[in-house]
N, C-alpha and C. Protein backbone atom coordinates (compact mmCIF):
# COMPACT_ATOMS: atom_id res chain seq x y z
N MET A 1 -9.54 -4.03 79.62
CA MET A 1 -10.17 -4.91 79.40
C MET A 1 -11.24 -4.64 78.02
N ARG A 2 -11.45 -3.73 77.43
CA ARG A 2 -11.56 -3.25 76.54
C ARG A 2 -10.78 -3.52 75.58
N SER A 3 -9.74 -3.55 75.39
CA SER A 3 -8.59 -3.35 74.28
C SER A 3 -8.47 -4.98 73.86
N PHE A 4 -8.73 -5.90 74.77
CA PHE A 4 -9.03 -7.49 74.01
C PHE A 4 -9.86 -7.38 73.02
N PRO A 5 -11.68 -7.23 73.16
CA PRO A 5 -11.94 -7.42 72.19
C PRO A 5 -11.64 -6.58 70.79
N LEU A 6 -11.18 -5.38 71.00
CA LEU A 6 -10.99 -4.76 70.00
C LEU A 6 -9.91 -5.24 69.09
N CYS A 7 -9.01 -5.98 70.02
CA CYS A 7 -7.65 -6.50 68.92
C CYS A 7 -8.16 -7.71 68.21
N PHE A 8 -8.98 -8.56 69.41
CA PHE A 8 -9.79 -9.58 68.89
C PHE A 8 -10.04 -9.46 67.40
N ALA A 9 -11.18 -8.11 67.56
CA ALA A 9 -12.10 -8.12 66.03
C ALA A 9 -11.04 -7.45 65.02
N VAL A 10 -9.88 -6.64 65.36
CA VAL A 10 -8.87 -6.31 64.16
C VAL A 10 -8.42 -7.50 63.81
N GLY A 11 -7.79 -8.27 64.60
CA GLY A 11 -6.92 -9.44 64.00
C GLY A 11 -7.61 -10.07 63.37
N ALA A 12 -9.39 -10.61 63.67
CA ALA A 12 -9.99 -11.42 62.79
C ALA A 12 -10.22 -10.60 61.71
N ALA A 13 -10.35 -9.31 61.53
CA ALA A 13 -11.00 -8.99 60.37
C ALA A 13 -9.47 -8.58 59.32
N LEU A 14 -8.18 -9.01 59.73
CA LEU A 14 -7.27 -9.16 59.04
C LEU A 14 -7.34 -10.05 58.81
N MET A 15 -7.40 -11.35 59.17
CA MET A 15 -7.36 -12.43 59.11
C MET A 15 -8.57 -13.05 57.57
N THR A 16 -9.39 -12.08 58.00
CA THR A 16 -10.90 -12.45 56.87
C THR A 16 -10.30 -12.48 55.64
N PRO A 17 -10.43 -13.12 54.22
CA PRO A 17 -10.16 -12.94 53.00
C PRO A 17 -11.16 -11.81 52.64
N VAL A 18 -10.26 -11.15 51.76
CA VAL A 18 -10.93 -9.66 51.28
C VAL A 18 -11.54 -10.07 50.03
N SER A 19 -12.66 -9.67 49.68
CA SER A 19 -12.57 -10.00 47.54
C SER A 19 -12.30 -8.89 46.82
N VAL A 20 -11.64 -9.15 45.79
CA VAL A 20 -10.93 -7.56 45.18
C VAL A 20 -11.75 -7.78 44.09
N SER A 21 -12.51 -6.76 43.70
CA SER A 21 -12.94 -6.52 42.61
C SER A 21 -12.42 -6.38 41.36
N ALA A 22 -12.26 -7.22 39.95
CA ALA A 22 -11.57 -7.08 39.26
C ALA A 22 -12.32 -6.54 38.36
N ALA A 23 -11.48 -6.05 37.07
CA ALA A 23 -12.23 -5.40 36.02
C ALA A 23 -12.92 -6.98 35.27
N PRO A 24 -14.12 -7.18 34.39
CA PRO A 24 -14.20 -8.43 33.61
C PRO A 24 -13.49 -8.98 32.70
N CYS A 25 -13.17 -9.87 32.93
CA CYS A 25 -12.09 -10.52 32.16
C CYS A 25 -12.82 -10.80 30.42
N THR A 26 -12.29 -10.32 29.55
CA THR A 26 -12.75 -10.43 28.08
C THR A 26 -11.84 -11.42 26.99
N LEU A 27 -12.18 -11.31 25.89
CA LEU A 27 -11.56 -12.49 25.31
C LEU A 27 -9.94 -11.96 24.95
N GLY A 28 -10.15 -10.48 24.44
CA GLY A 28 -8.72 -9.75 24.57
C GLY A 28 -7.75 -10.20 25.46
N ASP A 29 -8.24 -10.08 26.16
CA ASP A 29 -7.06 -10.63 27.85
C ASP A 29 -6.58 -12.09 27.63
N LEU A 30 -7.20 -13.04 26.59
CA LEU A 30 -6.50 -14.20 26.38
C LEU A 30 -5.94 -14.69 25.24
N HIS A 31 -5.76 -13.49 24.48
CA HIS A 31 -5.17 -13.83 23.28
C HIS A 31 -3.31 -14.07 23.52
N TRP A 32 -3.01 -14.00 24.67
CA TRP A 32 -1.38 -14.41 24.90
C TRP A 32 -1.23 -15.95 24.85
N MET A 33 -2.67 -16.71 25.11
CA MET A 33 -2.69 -18.32 24.61
C MET A 33 -2.55 -18.64 23.24
N ALA A 34 -2.53 -17.50 22.32
CA ALA A 34 -2.37 -18.27 21.16
C ALA A 34 -1.40 -18.21 20.79
N GLY A 35 -1.01 -19.45 20.12
CA GLY A 35 -0.22 -20.48 19.43
C GLY A 35 0.06 -21.89 19.28
N THR A 36 0.96 -22.04 18.93
CA THR A 36 1.22 -23.49 18.63
C THR A 36 2.06 -23.85 19.71
N TRP A 37 1.70 -25.06 20.88
CA TRP A 37 2.24 -25.41 21.77
C TRP A 37 2.60 -26.59 21.87
N ARG A 38 3.99 -27.21 22.28
CA ARG A 38 4.45 -28.61 22.29
C ARG A 38 5.42 -29.18 23.08
N ASP A 39 4.78 -30.10 24.08
CA ASP A 39 5.47 -30.84 24.90
C ASP A 39 5.77 -32.66 24.16
N THR A 40 7.11 -32.63 24.44
CA THR A 40 7.92 -33.72 23.89
C THR A 40 8.86 -34.51 24.41
N SER A 41 8.49 -34.29 26.18
CA SER A 41 9.33 -34.93 27.05
C SER A 41 9.10 -36.22 27.43
N GLU A 42 8.02 -36.90 27.07
CA GLU A 42 7.64 -38.05 27.19
C GLU A 42 8.05 -39.24 26.21
N PRO A 43 9.05 -40.18 26.48
CA PRO A 43 9.35 -40.96 25.25
C PRO A 43 7.86 -41.61 24.34
N ASN A 44 7.72 -41.52 23.16
CA ASN A 44 6.89 -42.02 22.44
C ASN A 44 5.31 -41.50 22.54
N VAL A 45 5.40 -40.52 23.30
CA VAL A 45 4.29 -39.50 23.16
C VAL A 45 4.41 -38.11 22.74
N SER A 46 3.59 -37.53 21.50
CA SER A 46 3.90 -36.48 21.28
C SER A 46 2.31 -35.66 21.97
N VAL A 47 2.77 -34.26 22.56
CA VAL A 47 1.18 -33.35 22.66
C VAL A 47 1.65 -32.38 22.51
N GLU A 48 0.29 -31.74 21.68
CA GLU A 48 0.17 -30.45 21.08
C GLU A 48 -0.49 -29.78 21.21
N GLU A 49 -0.48 -28.37 21.61
CA GLU A 49 -2.07 -27.81 22.25
C GLU A 49 -1.89 -26.19 20.98
N ARG A 50 -3.20 -26.00 20.47
CA ARG A 50 -2.85 -25.02 19.50
C ARG A 50 -4.68 -23.91 19.81
N TRP A 51 -3.66 -22.99 19.93
CA TRP A 51 -4.86 -21.93 19.85
C TRP A 51 -4.66 -20.57 19.19
N VAL A 52 -5.76 -20.32 18.38
CA VAL A 52 -5.81 -19.24 17.18
C VAL A 52 -6.97 -18.49 17.25
N GLU A 53 -6.60 -17.00 17.22
CA GLU A 53 -7.69 -15.77 16.92
C GLU A 53 -8.69 -16.25 16.03
N ALA A 54 -9.68 -16.73 16.46
CA ALA A 54 -10.84 -16.46 15.67
C ALA A 54 -11.92 -15.41 15.31
N PRO A 55 -12.97 -15.69 14.22
CA PRO A 55 -13.58 -14.33 13.90
C PRO A 55 -14.27 -13.97 15.58
N ASN A 56 -14.45 -12.89 15.98
CA ASN A 56 -15.54 -12.00 16.86
C ASN A 56 -14.65 -12.29 17.86
N GLY A 57 -13.08 -11.98 17.94
CA GLY A 57 -12.14 -12.23 19.24
C GLY A 57 -12.12 -13.66 19.93
N ARG A 58 -12.73 -14.84 19.02
CA ARG A 58 -12.99 -15.98 19.81
C ARG A 58 -11.72 -16.82 19.44
N LEU A 59 -11.43 -17.05 20.36
CA LEU A 59 -9.96 -18.10 20.49
C LEU A 59 -10.50 -19.52 19.77
N ALA A 60 -9.83 -20.08 19.14
CA ALA A 60 -10.35 -21.47 18.67
C ALA A 60 -9.12 -22.69 19.46
N GLY A 61 -9.27 -23.69 20.03
CA GLY A 61 -8.25 -24.79 20.15
C GLY A 61 -8.19 -25.74 19.59
N SER A 62 -7.12 -26.56 19.63
CA SER A 62 -7.20 -28.03 19.36
C SER A 62 -6.32 -28.65 20.06
N SER A 63 -5.88 -29.73 20.33
CA SER A 63 -5.15 -30.19 20.94
C SER A 63 -5.28 -31.98 20.95
N TRP A 64 -4.24 -32.48 20.96
CA TRP A 64 -3.78 -33.94 20.65
C TRP A 64 -2.58 -34.28 21.33
N ARG A 65 -3.16 -35.99 21.61
CA ARG A 65 -1.86 -36.38 22.46
C ARG A 65 -1.62 -37.81 21.98
N LEU A 66 -0.92 -37.98 21.54
CA LEU A 66 -0.67 -39.19 20.35
C LEU A 66 0.67 -40.00 20.84
N HIS A 67 0.34 -41.50 20.87
CA HIS A 67 1.91 -42.03 20.89
C HIS A 67 2.08 -42.74 19.62
N SER A 68 3.83 -42.79 19.72
CA SER A 68 4.32 -43.21 18.27
C SER A 68 4.29 -44.11 18.37
N ASP A 69 3.81 -45.83 19.79
CA ASP A 69 4.45 -46.67 19.15
C ASP A 69 3.12 -47.47 19.63
N THR A 70 1.53 -47.18 19.81
CA THR A 70 0.83 -47.62 19.74
C THR A 70 -0.60 -46.63 18.80
N PRO A 71 -1.49 -47.26 18.76
CA PRO A 71 -2.59 -46.37 17.77
C PRO A 71 -3.37 -45.33 18.89
N ASN A 72 -3.11 -45.64 20.29
CA ASN A 72 -3.74 -44.80 21.58
C ASN A 72 -3.31 -43.45 21.38
N GLY A 73 -4.26 -42.58 21.98
CA GLY A 73 -4.26 -41.40 22.45
C GLY A 73 -5.49 -40.26 22.33
N VAL A 74 -5.64 -39.20 22.06
CA VAL A 74 -6.63 -38.50 22.03
C VAL A 74 -6.59 -37.18 21.79
N ILE A 75 -7.57 -36.60 20.69
CA ILE A 75 -7.79 -35.37 20.42
C ILE A 75 -9.17 -34.62 20.85
N GLU A 76 -8.46 -33.43 21.22
CA GLU A 76 -9.58 -32.65 22.04
C GLU A 76 -9.65 -31.09 20.70
N SER A 77 -11.05 -30.79 20.84
CA SER A 77 -11.44 -29.83 20.15
C SER A 77 -11.75 -28.76 21.42
N LEU A 78 -11.86 -27.36 21.00
CA LEU A 78 -11.90 -26.45 22.20
C LEU A 78 -12.49 -24.87 21.37
N LEU A 79 -13.24 -24.19 22.29
CA LEU A 79 -13.70 -22.78 22.05
C LEU A 79 -14.11 -22.17 22.99
N ILE A 80 -13.67 -20.92 23.01
CA ILE A 80 -13.50 -19.69 23.97
C ILE A 80 -14.24 -18.88 23.61
N GLU A 81 -15.31 -17.92 24.00
CA GLU A 81 -16.36 -17.24 24.01
C GLU A 81 -16.90 -16.31 24.82
N ILE A 82 -17.60 -15.29 24.24
CA ILE A 82 -18.27 -14.92 25.58
C ILE A 82 -19.74 -15.43 25.69
N GLN A 83 -20.03 -15.79 26.72
CA GLN A 83 -21.54 -16.45 27.23
C GLN A 83 -21.67 -15.84 28.58
N ASN A 84 -22.84 -15.10 28.07
CA ASN A 84 -23.28 -14.16 29.31
C ASN A 84 -22.84 -13.86 30.10
N GLY A 85 -21.63 -12.89 29.55
CA GLY A 85 -20.72 -11.48 29.30
C GLY A 85 -19.38 -11.92 29.97
N VAL A 86 -19.35 -13.50 30.02
CA VAL A 86 -17.90 -14.08 30.68
C VAL A 86 -17.37 -15.40 29.98
N PRO A 87 -15.87 -14.92 29.16
CA PRO A 87 -15.47 -15.87 28.56
C PRO A 87 -15.68 -17.42 29.04
N THR A 88 -16.24 -17.99 27.72
CA THR A 88 -16.48 -19.88 28.42
C THR A 88 -16.15 -20.90 27.51
N MET A 89 -15.27 -21.65 28.61
CA MET A 89 -14.59 -22.37 27.08
C MET A 89 -15.18 -23.65 27.58
N MET A 90 -15.76 -24.07 26.13
CA MET A 90 -16.31 -25.31 25.78
C MET A 90 -15.40 -26.37 25.04
N LEU A 91 -15.22 -27.81 25.65
CA LEU A 91 -14.52 -28.72 24.64
C LEU A 91 -15.05 -30.22 24.81
N ARG A 92 -14.57 -30.99 23.93
CA ARG A 92 -15.06 -32.08 23.67
C ARG A 92 -13.83 -33.08 23.37
N HIS A 93 -13.22 -34.35 23.92
CA HIS A 93 -12.67 -35.39 23.61
C HIS A 93 -12.68 -36.32 22.88
N PHE A 94 -12.00 -36.75 21.67
CA PHE A 94 -12.19 -38.16 20.95
C PHE A 94 -11.14 -39.13 21.32
N ASP A 95 -11.67 -40.02 20.84
CA ASP A 95 -10.41 -41.35 20.80
C ASP A 95 -9.39 -40.88 19.85
N ALA A 96 -7.86 -41.13 19.58
CA ALA A 96 -7.31 -40.97 18.58
C ALA A 96 -7.75 -41.26 16.97
N THR A 97 -8.82 -42.00 16.35
CA THR A 97 -8.91 -41.88 15.41
C THR A 97 -10.34 -41.16 15.02
N LEU A 98 -10.73 -40.24 15.89
CA LEU A 98 -11.89 -39.60 15.76
C LEU A 98 -13.20 -40.19 16.14
N ALA A 99 -13.34 -41.71 16.07
CA ALA A 99 -14.46 -42.74 16.15
C ALA A 99 -15.65 -42.22 17.05
N HIS A 100 -15.17 -42.12 18.26
CA HIS A 100 -15.85 -41.73 19.60
C HIS A 100 -15.53 -40.71 20.26
N ALA A 101 -16.69 -40.15 20.84
CA ALA A 101 -16.36 -38.94 21.55
C ALA A 101 -16.20 -39.42 23.23
N ARG A 102 -15.60 -39.10 24.17
CA ARG A 102 -15.43 -39.47 24.74
C ARG A 102 -16.44 -39.12 26.02
N GLU A 103 -16.82 -37.96 25.91
CA GLU A 103 -18.15 -37.56 26.97
C GLU A 103 -19.41 -37.65 25.85
N ASP A 104 -20.46 -37.06 26.33
CA ASP A 104 -21.87 -37.04 25.67
C ASP A 104 -21.84 -36.31 24.60
N LYS A 105 -22.20 -37.12 23.60
CA LYS A 105 -22.00 -37.18 22.18
C LYS A 105 -22.73 -35.68 21.58
N ASP A 106 -23.33 -34.70 21.89
CA ASP A 106 -23.98 -33.98 22.10
C ASP A 106 -23.78 -32.44 22.86
N SER A 107 -22.86 -32.49 23.92
CA SER A 107 -23.20 -31.75 24.52
C SER A 107 -21.40 -31.25 25.13
N PRO A 108 -20.92 -30.24 24.55
CA PRO A 108 -19.72 -30.20 25.17
C PRO A 108 -19.48 -29.66 26.73
N MET A 109 -18.19 -30.21 26.96
CA MET A 109 -17.93 -29.86 28.63
C MET A 109 -17.91 -28.44 28.59
N VAL A 110 -18.37 -27.45 29.64
CA VAL A 110 -18.29 -26.17 29.93
C VAL A 110 -17.76 -25.86 31.16
N PHE A 111 -16.45 -24.75 30.73
CA PHE A 111 -16.17 -23.86 31.77
C PHE A 111 -16.26 -22.78 31.77
N VAL A 112 -16.52 -21.99 32.61
CA VAL A 112 -16.38 -20.40 32.67
C VAL A 112 -15.34 -19.86 33.64
N SER A 113 -14.85 -18.77 33.12
CA SER A 113 -13.57 -17.91 33.43
C SER A 113 -14.09 -17.72 34.90
N SER A 114 -12.87 -17.59 35.66
CA SER A 114 -13.48 -17.13 36.91
C SER A 114 -12.13 -16.51 37.58
N GLN A 115 -10.87 -16.58 36.83
CA GLN A 115 -9.72 -15.53 37.16
C GLN A 115 -9.12 -15.46 36.17
N CYS A 116 -8.81 -14.10 35.95
CA CYS A 116 -8.12 -13.66 34.44
C CYS A 116 -7.18 -12.69 34.84
N SER A 117 -6.16 -13.05 34.36
CA SER A 117 -5.39 -11.83 34.32
C SER A 117 -3.72 -11.82 33.21
N ALA A 118 -2.85 -11.13 33.28
CA ALA A 118 -1.82 -10.96 31.99
C ALA A 118 -1.03 -12.62 32.60
N ASN A 119 -1.38 -13.45 31.33
CA ASN A 119 -0.13 -14.85 31.60
C ASN A 119 -1.17 -15.85 32.50
N LEU A 120 -2.25 -15.35 33.05
CA LEU A 120 -3.02 -16.48 33.69
C LEU A 120 -4.86 -16.37 33.62
N ALA A 121 -5.44 -17.52 33.50
CA ALA A 121 -6.76 -17.90 33.64
C ALA A 121 -7.04 -18.82 34.24
N VAL A 122 -8.06 -18.95 34.78
CA VAL A 122 -8.75 -19.90 35.74
C VAL A 122 -10.00 -20.13 35.02
N PHE A 123 -10.47 -21.32 34.85
CA PHE A 123 -12.02 -21.81 34.46
C PHE A 123 -12.62 -22.75 35.20
N ASP A 124 -13.85 -22.42 35.45
CA ASP A 124 -14.47 -23.53 36.35
C ASP A 124 -15.43 -24.07 35.76
N GLY A 125 -15.52 -25.52 35.97
CA GLY A 125 -16.35 -26.37 35.21
C GLY A 125 -17.72 -26.36 35.69
N THR A 126 -19.01 -26.20 34.50
CA THR A 126 -20.48 -26.35 35.43
C THR A 126 -20.92 -27.86 34.96
N GLY A 127 -22.32 -27.81 35.20
CA GLY A 127 -23.08 -29.22 35.24
C GLY A 127 -22.32 -29.88 35.42
N SER A 128 -22.16 -31.45 35.05
CA SER A 128 -21.40 -32.27 35.35
C SER A 128 -19.61 -32.22 35.85
N GLN A 129 -19.47 -30.91 35.15
CA GLN A 129 -17.78 -30.75 35.65
C GLN A 129 -17.92 -29.79 36.86
N ALA A 130 -18.89 -29.24 37.63
CA ALA A 130 -18.85 -28.64 39.02
C ALA A 130 -17.91 -28.91 39.67
N GLY A 131 -17.26 -27.91 40.13
CA GLY A 131 -15.90 -28.65 40.87
C GLY A 131 -14.61 -28.90 40.53
N GLU A 132 -14.50 -28.78 39.05
CA GLU A 132 -12.79 -29.04 38.31
C GLU A 132 -13.13 -27.73 37.86
N HIS A 133 -11.69 -27.75 37.32
CA HIS A 133 -10.98 -26.50 37.15
C HIS A 133 -9.97 -26.32 35.98
N ILE A 134 -9.56 -25.67 35.35
CA ILE A 134 -8.55 -25.48 34.25
C ILE A 134 -8.13 -24.06 34.51
N THR A 135 -6.51 -24.40 34.50
CA THR A 135 -6.21 -23.64 34.47
C THR A 135 -4.95 -23.31 33.64
N TYR A 136 -4.59 -21.99 33.00
CA TYR A 136 -3.39 -21.89 31.73
C TYR A 136 -2.68 -20.61 32.09
N SER A 137 -1.58 -21.07 32.37
CA SER A 137 -0.32 -19.88 32.79
C SER A 137 0.68 -19.80 31.85
N ARG A 138 1.03 -18.51 31.48
CA ARG A 138 1.90 -18.20 30.48
C ARG A 138 3.36 -17.71 31.12
N VAL A 139 4.28 -18.04 31.06
CA VAL A 139 5.74 -17.18 31.33
C VAL A 139 6.83 -17.42 29.93
N GLY A 140 7.18 -16.60 29.49
CA GLY A 140 7.69 -16.38 28.25
C GLY A 140 7.10 -17.11 27.27
N ASP A 141 7.97 -18.28 27.07
CA ASP A 141 7.52 -19.26 25.95
C ASP A 141 6.88 -20.51 26.63
N LYS A 142 6.77 -20.33 27.62
CA LYS A 142 6.28 -21.96 28.34
C LYS A 142 4.81 -21.47 28.56
N LEU A 143 4.00 -22.45 28.37
CA LEU A 143 2.81 -22.61 28.62
C LEU A 143 2.12 -23.92 29.35
N THR A 144 1.47 -23.44 31.07
CA THR A 144 1.04 -24.29 31.62
C THR A 144 -0.28 -24.87 31.46
N PHE A 145 -0.36 -26.09 31.69
CA PHE A 145 -1.99 -26.19 31.82
C PHE A 145 -2.03 -27.30 33.29
N ILE A 146 -3.02 -26.79 33.84
CA ILE A 146 -2.84 -27.78 35.19
C ILE A 146 -4.82 -28.06 34.88
N GLY A 147 -5.12 -29.53 35.18
CA GLY A 147 -6.25 -29.33 35.17
C GLY A 147 -7.26 -30.57 36.25
N ASP A 148 -7.51 -29.85 37.21
CA ASP A 148 -7.84 -30.23 38.23
C ASP A 148 -9.18 -31.00 38.21
N PHE A 149 -9.69 -32.27 38.11
CA PHE A 149 -11.19 -32.98 37.60
C PHE A 149 -11.12 -33.90 38.60
N ILE A 150 -12.38 -34.45 38.28
CA ILE A 150 -13.12 -35.56 39.75
C ILE A 150 -13.59 -36.58 39.00
N HIS A 151 -12.70 -38.01 38.68
CA HIS A 151 -13.21 -38.71 37.93
C HIS A 151 -13.53 -39.67 39.11
N ASP A 152 -14.54 -40.42 38.90
CA ASP A 152 -15.41 -41.66 39.35
C ASP A 152 -15.27 -40.85 41.15
N GLY A 153 -15.69 -39.68 41.56
CA GLY A 153 -15.80 -39.18 42.85
C GLY A 153 -14.10 -38.82 43.24
N LYS A 154 -13.42 -38.97 42.45
CA LYS A 154 -11.80 -38.94 43.11
C LYS A 154 -11.13 -37.69 42.42
N PRO A 155 -10.62 -36.86 43.26
CA PRO A 155 -9.72 -35.59 42.65
C PRO A 155 -8.52 -36.25 41.84
N PHE A 156 -8.40 -35.62 40.79
CA PHE A 156 -7.47 -36.20 39.47
C PHE A 156 -6.82 -34.81 38.80
N ARG A 157 -5.23 -34.93 39.02
CA ARG A 157 -4.96 -33.81 38.39
C ARG A 157 -4.05 -34.09 37.06
N ALA A 158 -4.35 -32.95 36.06
CA ALA A 158 -3.39 -33.32 35.13
C ALA A 158 -2.53 -32.26 34.40
N GLU A 159 -1.68 -32.06 34.38
CA GLU A 159 -0.77 -31.26 34.25
C GLU A 159 0.10 -31.70 32.61
N GLU A 160 0.57 -30.56 32.29
CA GLU A 160 1.41 -30.43 30.77
C GLU A 160 2.16 -28.86 30.69
N SER A 161 3.27 -29.19 30.49
CA SER A 161 4.35 -28.24 30.17
C SER A 161 4.67 -27.91 28.68
N PHE A 162 3.76 -26.79 27.87
CA PHE A 162 4.54 -26.82 26.90
C PHE A 162 5.33 -25.85 26.38
N ASN A 163 6.37 -25.80 25.16
CA ASN A 163 6.91 -24.87 24.58
C ASN A 163 6.90 -24.16 23.24
N LEU A 164 6.34 -23.05 23.31
CA LEU A 164 5.92 -22.30 22.29
C LEU A 164 6.82 -22.56 20.68
N GLN A 165 5.87 -22.91 19.48
CA GLN A 165 6.52 -23.58 18.42
C GLN A 165 6.77 -22.41 17.37
N PRO A 166 7.90 -22.30 16.67
CA PRO A 166 8.22 -21.16 15.68
C PRO A 166 6.90 -20.89 14.85
């Protein structure tokens, strides 16, 4: 009779997620993102994301998604730097002419690094982006972006697969 509670307790302990303490992510841990990345898989749409190592180890990024048959598209400006001891991504979106910011005109969206390892980075949204996540992963010359966002209260996933350019 005593073995049942012990077995139950051991089984429950084995099913309980264990928090693994990892070393804090640094900007240097994210430099694998550096490069010019392009996706031309959609007809009439070109997508490019570029990350460069900026002063003080920061990563400066730019991205665009433009259509060859219409003036539509989006241009994005990004920066990853240390804030409060954690790599933090700030980003802003603009229309294809840079005439209009898509989000708040005076504040970037802010995502804080929550997971970082060799060739993987996850950033969690803060403020009005709480509950949203941005994931970058790299395998060889392929970079994958997954954005799990919330638009009008509904989940929305954006995915992009890029190839490293020479």
